[in-house]
Protein backbone atom coordinates (compact mmCIF):
# COMPACT_ATOMS: atom_id res chain seq x y z
CA MET A 1 0.00 0.00 0.00
CA SER A 2 1.30 3.48 -0.84
CA ILE A 3 0.31 6.98 0.05
CA ALA A 4 0.49 9.45 -2.84
CA ARG A 5 -1.51 12.17 -1.10
CA LEU A 6 -4.27 11.85 1.44
CA THR A 7 -6.37 14.99 1.61
CA LYS A 8 -8.06 16.25 4.70
CA SER A 9 -11.23 14.42 5.62
CA PRO A 10 -13.73 15.22 8.36
CA SER A 11 -13.08 13.37 11.60
CA ARG A 12 -15.57 10.92 12.88
CA GLY A 13 -16.51 11.07 16.50
CA LYS A 14 -15.63 13.55 19.19
CA ILE A 15 -12.08 14.94 19.46
CA TYR A 16 -11.19 15.61 23.06
CA SER A 17 -9.43 18.80 24.05
CA ASN A 18 -6.15 17.06 24.86
CA MET A 19 -5.94 15.49 21.40
CA SER A 20 -4.77 16.81 18.07
CA GLN A 21 -5.83 15.82 14.58
CA ILE A 22 -3.93 14.52 11.58
CA THR A 23 -4.89 16.94 8.84
CA SER A 24 -2.99 15.36 5.93
CA ILE A 25 -0.41 12.75 4.99
CA GLU A 26 1.65 13.38 1.86
CA GLN A 27 4.14 11.22 0.04
CA GLN A 28 7.53 12.94 0.00
CA LYS A 29 8.85 13.98 -3.40
CA LYS A 30 12.52 13.18 -2.80
CA ASP A 31 11.90 9.81 -1.13
CA LYS A 32 8.84 7.93 -2.33
CA THR A 33 9.16 5.47 0.57
CA ARG A 34 8.45 8.22 3.12
CA CYS A 35 5.53 10.47 3.91
CA SER A 36 5.07 13.75 5.75
CA VAL A 37 2.49 13.86 8.53
CA TYR A 38 0.72 17.15 9.25
CA VAL A 39 -1.00 17.68 12.59
CA ASP A 40 -3.44 20.55 13.12
CA GLY A 41 -2.40 21.96 9.75
CA THR A 42 1.36 21.97 10.52
CA PHE A 43 4.12 19.53 9.51
CA TYR A 44 4.82 17.30 12.48
CA CYS A 45 7.12 14.49 11.33
CA GLY A 46 8.29 12.30 8.49
CA LEU A 47 7.66 8.55 8.54
CA LYS A 48 8.32 5.49 6.43
CA ILE A 49 5.10 4.77 4.55
CA GLU A 50 5.05 1.23 5.93
CA VAL A 51 5.09 2.64 9.47
CA ALA A 52 2.18 4.97 8.69
CA VAL A 53 0.29 2.01 7.23
CA LYS A 54 1.18 -0.19 10.20
CA TYR A 55 -0.46 2.29 12.59
CA ARG A 56 -3.32 3.01 10.17
CA LEU A 57 -2.70 6.74 10.21
CA LYS A 58 -5.08 8.78 8.07
CA PRO A 59 -6.30 12.36 7.67
CA GLY A 60 -8.97 13.41 10.14
CA MET A 61 -7.72 10.91 12.68
CA PRO A 62 -7.69 12.23 16.28
CA ILE A 63 -4.33 11.50 17.89
CA GLU A 64 -2.25 12.40 20.92
CA LYS A 65 1.11 13.87 19.99
CA SER A 66 2.82 11.65 22.57
CA PHE A 67 1.45 8.60 20.73
CA LEU A 68 2.69 10.00 17.44
CA ASP A 69 6.10 10.55 19.05
CA GLY A 70 6.15 6.84 19.91
CA ILE A 71 5.34 6.00 16.30
CA GLN A 72 8.18 8.24 15.17
CA LEU A 73 10.54 6.34 17.49
CA ASP A 74 9.40 3.10 15.88
CA ASN A 75 10.07 4.69 12.50
CA GLU A 76 13.61 5.74 13.52
CA LYS A 77 14.38 2.23 14.73
CA LEU A 78 13.32 0.81 11.37
CA GLN A 79 15.28 3.42 9.43
CA ALA A 80 18.39 3.02 11.61
CA THR A 81 18.27 -0.76 11.20
CA GLU A 82 18.12 -0.38 7.41
CA LYS A 83 21.10 2.00 7.40
CA ALA A 84 23.05 -0.34 9.67
CA MET A 85 22.36 -3.31 7.40
CA ASN A 86 23.50 -1.33 4.36
CA HIS A 87 26.65 -0.31 6.23
CA LEU A 88 27.32 -3.95 7.09
CA SER A 89 26.92 -5.09 3.49
CA ALA A 90 30.41 -3.84 2.57
CA THR A 91 32.47 -5.41 5.38
CA LEU A 92 32.10 -6.80 8.87
CA LYS A 93 31.98 -4.18 11.62
CA THR A 94 32.76 -4.22 15.32
CA GLU A 95 30.05 -3.18 17.75
CA LYS A 96 31.89 0.09 18.41
CA GLN A 97 32.25 0.86 14.69
CA MET A 98 28.52 0.37 14.20
CA ARG A 99 27.71 2.40 17.31
CA ASP A 100 29.88 5.26 16.05
CA PHE A 101 28.29 5.04 12.59
CA LEU A 102 24.74 5.32 13.95
CA ALA A 103 25.72 8.10 16.35
CA GLY A 104 27.22 9.97 13.40
CA LYS A 105 23.86 9.71 11.65
CA GLY A 106 22.26 11.49 14.60
CA TYR A 107 20.30 8.61 16.12
CA THR A 108 19.52 8.70 19.82
CA ALA A 109 21.07 6.30 22.33
CA ALA A 110 17.78 4.41 22.64
CA VAL A 111 17.57 3.83 18.89
CA ILE A 112 21.25 2.80 18.70
CA GLU A 113 20.87 0.25 21.50
CA TYR A 114 17.76 -1.17 19.83
CA VAL A 115 19.57 -1.60 16.49
CA LEU A 116 22.69 -3.14 18.05
CA GLU A 117 20.64 -5.67 19.99
CA LYS A 118 18.78 -6.57 16.80
CA LEU A 119 21.99 -7.00 14.81
CA LYS A 120 23.64 -9.05 17.56
CA GLY A 121 20.53 -11.21 17.78
CA TYR A 122 20.77 -11.87 14.03
CA GLY A 123 24.49 -12.64 14.38
CA TYR A 124 25.45 -9.69 12.17
CA ILE A 125 27.47 -8.00 14.91
CA ASP A 126 29.96 -10.34 16.58
CA ASP A 127 33.29 -8.95 17.76
CA PHE A 128 34.89 -12.39 18.06
CA ALA A 129 33.91 -13.30 14.48
CA TYR A 130 35.27 -9.92 13.35
CA CYS A 131 38.58 -10.46 15.18
CA LYS A 132 38.97 -14.02 13.93
CA SER A 133 38.33 -12.92 10.34
CA TYR A 134 40.84 -10.09 10.67
CA VAL A 135 43.52 -12.35 12.20
CA ASN A 136 43.13 -14.85 9.36
CA SER A 137 43.35 -12.16 6.69
CA VAL A 138 46.41 -10.23 7.88
CA VAL A 139 49.73 -10.87 6.18
CA GLY A 140 53.14 -9.56 7.21
CA LYS A 141 52.18 -8.37 10.70
CA GLY A 142 52.86 -9.90 14.07
CA LYS A 143 50.57 -10.59 17.00
CA ASN A 144 51.26 -7.27 18.71
CA ALA A 145 50.47 -5.25 15.58
CA ILE A 146 47.27 -7.24 15.02
CA ARG A 147 46.18 -6.62 18.60
CA SER A 148 46.88 -2.91 18.22
CA GLN A 149 44.80 -2.74 15.04
CA LEU A 150 41.86 -4.56 16.61
CA ILE A 151 41.95 -2.25 19.65
CA ARG A 152 41.95 0.73 17.28
CA ARG A 153 38.87 -0.69 15.54
CA GLY A 154 37.05 -0.89 18.85
CA ALA A 155 36.82 -4.67 19.21
CA ALA A 156 36.02 -5.95 22.70
CA SER A 157 39.18 -6.97 24.61
CA GLU A 158 37.76 -10.43 25.39
CA ALA A 159 37.10 -11.03 21.70
CA ILE A 160 40.65 -9.94 20.81
CA ASP A 161 42.20 -12.23 23.42
CA GLU A 162 40.12 -15.20 22.26
CA ALA A 163 40.87 -14.63 18.59
CA LEU A 164 44.61 -14.35 19.26
CA SER A 165 44.79 -17.21 21.78
CA ALA A 166 45.68 -19.79 19.12
CA TYR A 167 47.64 -17.40 16.89
CA SER A 168 51.27 -18.05 16.07
CA ALA A 169 53.36 -16.31 13.48
CA ASP A 170 53.97 -18.21 10.25
CA GLU A 171 57.72 -18.79 10.20
CA ASP A 172 58.01 -18.77 6.42
CA GLU A 173 55.94 -15.59 6.21
CA LEU A 174 58.11 -13.94 8.86
CA LEU A 175 61.25 -14.96 7.02
CA SER A 176 59.80 -13.55 3.82
CA VAL A 177 59.22 -10.19 5.53
CA ALA A 178 62.84 -10.20 6.74
CA ARG A 179 64.16 -11.07 3.28
CA LYS A 180 62.15 -8.29 1.68
CA TYR A 181 63.48 -5.74 4.19
CA MET A 182 67.10 -6.83 3.66
CA ARG A 183 66.91 -6.71 -0.13
CA GLY A 184 69.83 -4.57 -1.33
CA LYS A 185 71.24 -4.10 2.19
CA GLN A 186 74.54 -5.22 3.66
CA PHE A 187 74.42 -8.59 5.47
CA ASP A 188 76.45 -7.69 8.57
CA ARG A 189 75.82 -7.29 12.31
CA ALA A 190 74.32 -3.83 11.84
CA GLY A 191 72.01 -5.24 9.19
CA MET A 192 70.93 -7.99 11.57
CA GLN A 193 70.03 -5.44 14.23
CA LYS A 194 68.09 -3.30 11.78
CA THR A 195 66.17 -6.33 10.54
CA LEU A 196 65.37 -7.38 14.09
CA ARG A 197 64.04 -3.90 14.91
CA HIS A 198 62.01 -3.89 11.70
CA LEU A 199 60.30 -7.17 12.55
CA ILE A 200 59.53 -6.03 16.09
CA ALA A 201 58.11 -2.79 14.69
CA ARG A 202 55.74 -4.93 12.58
CA GLY A 203 54.39 -6.47 15.75
CA TYR A 204 56.35 -9.72 15.95
CA ASP A 205 57.56 -10.96 19.33
CA TYR A 206 61.25 -10.53 20.08
CA ASP A 207 62.00 -14.27 20.23
CA GLU A 208 60.28 -15.13 16.94
CA ALA A 209 61.85 -12.10 15.23
CA LYS A 210 65.29 -13.09 16.50
CA GLU A 211 64.80 -16.65 15.23
CA ALA A 212 63.82 -15.36 11.78
CA VAL A 213 66.87 -13.09 11.63
CA SER A 214 69.14 -15.99 12.62
CA ARG A 215 67.67 -18.17 9.87
CA LEU A 216 68.06 -15.40 7.32
CA PHE A 217 71.70 -14.79 8.10
CA GLU A 218 72.43 -18.51 8.15
CA GLU A 219 71.02 -18.64 4.63
CA CYS A 220 73.12 -15.68 3.58
CA GLY A 221 76.21 -17.21 5.12
CA ASP A 222 75.64 -20.49 3.27
CA ALA A 223 75.09 -18.58 0.03
CA GLU A 224 78.35 -16.68 0.46
CA ASP A 225 80.24 -19.90 1.13
């Protein structure tokens, strides 16, 4: 059902003094899925057409503004959920990223909490799943750098710890990072120290970085022999 334009119609029954009256409901020109609701001859709020239909709003209908405010809250929850789902369609998001996104759109705390609970209930917001996916996708960074990135993205600390609990650096990948850094550089003690610092800066633990550097320079020594 759609609302192109509902003109004013006479109300049926008595309108009490503490109630207002919907005088017209008009489909919005820029967004055909929304309508503008006029109360007592003045614009009061914009709603999704499906929300207006759900509450059977129509011109001439007596209504308390507080009740209409509740309908508008229902409308904002629906709209915020749609925006959140569209935002999720590109990539996974942490709870904090989604909270910040909705806050940036101007939604109230009540609407944001409603949407987040809905998304978590559907399994669309899951910080552990986000962290696990990120850990599995990262190449060339150590555990410390991964943790730092996840913290920056607002993931819950428990989710980060759980996702990293079984993580261990890939030795061949680490060695590849070291080789790439040393390309064109002198293979001496100073070079070893620089490579070690480079690996640590990329988030690898000292012991695993040191092991990779030792392997690299053993290879270089064998090559020179």
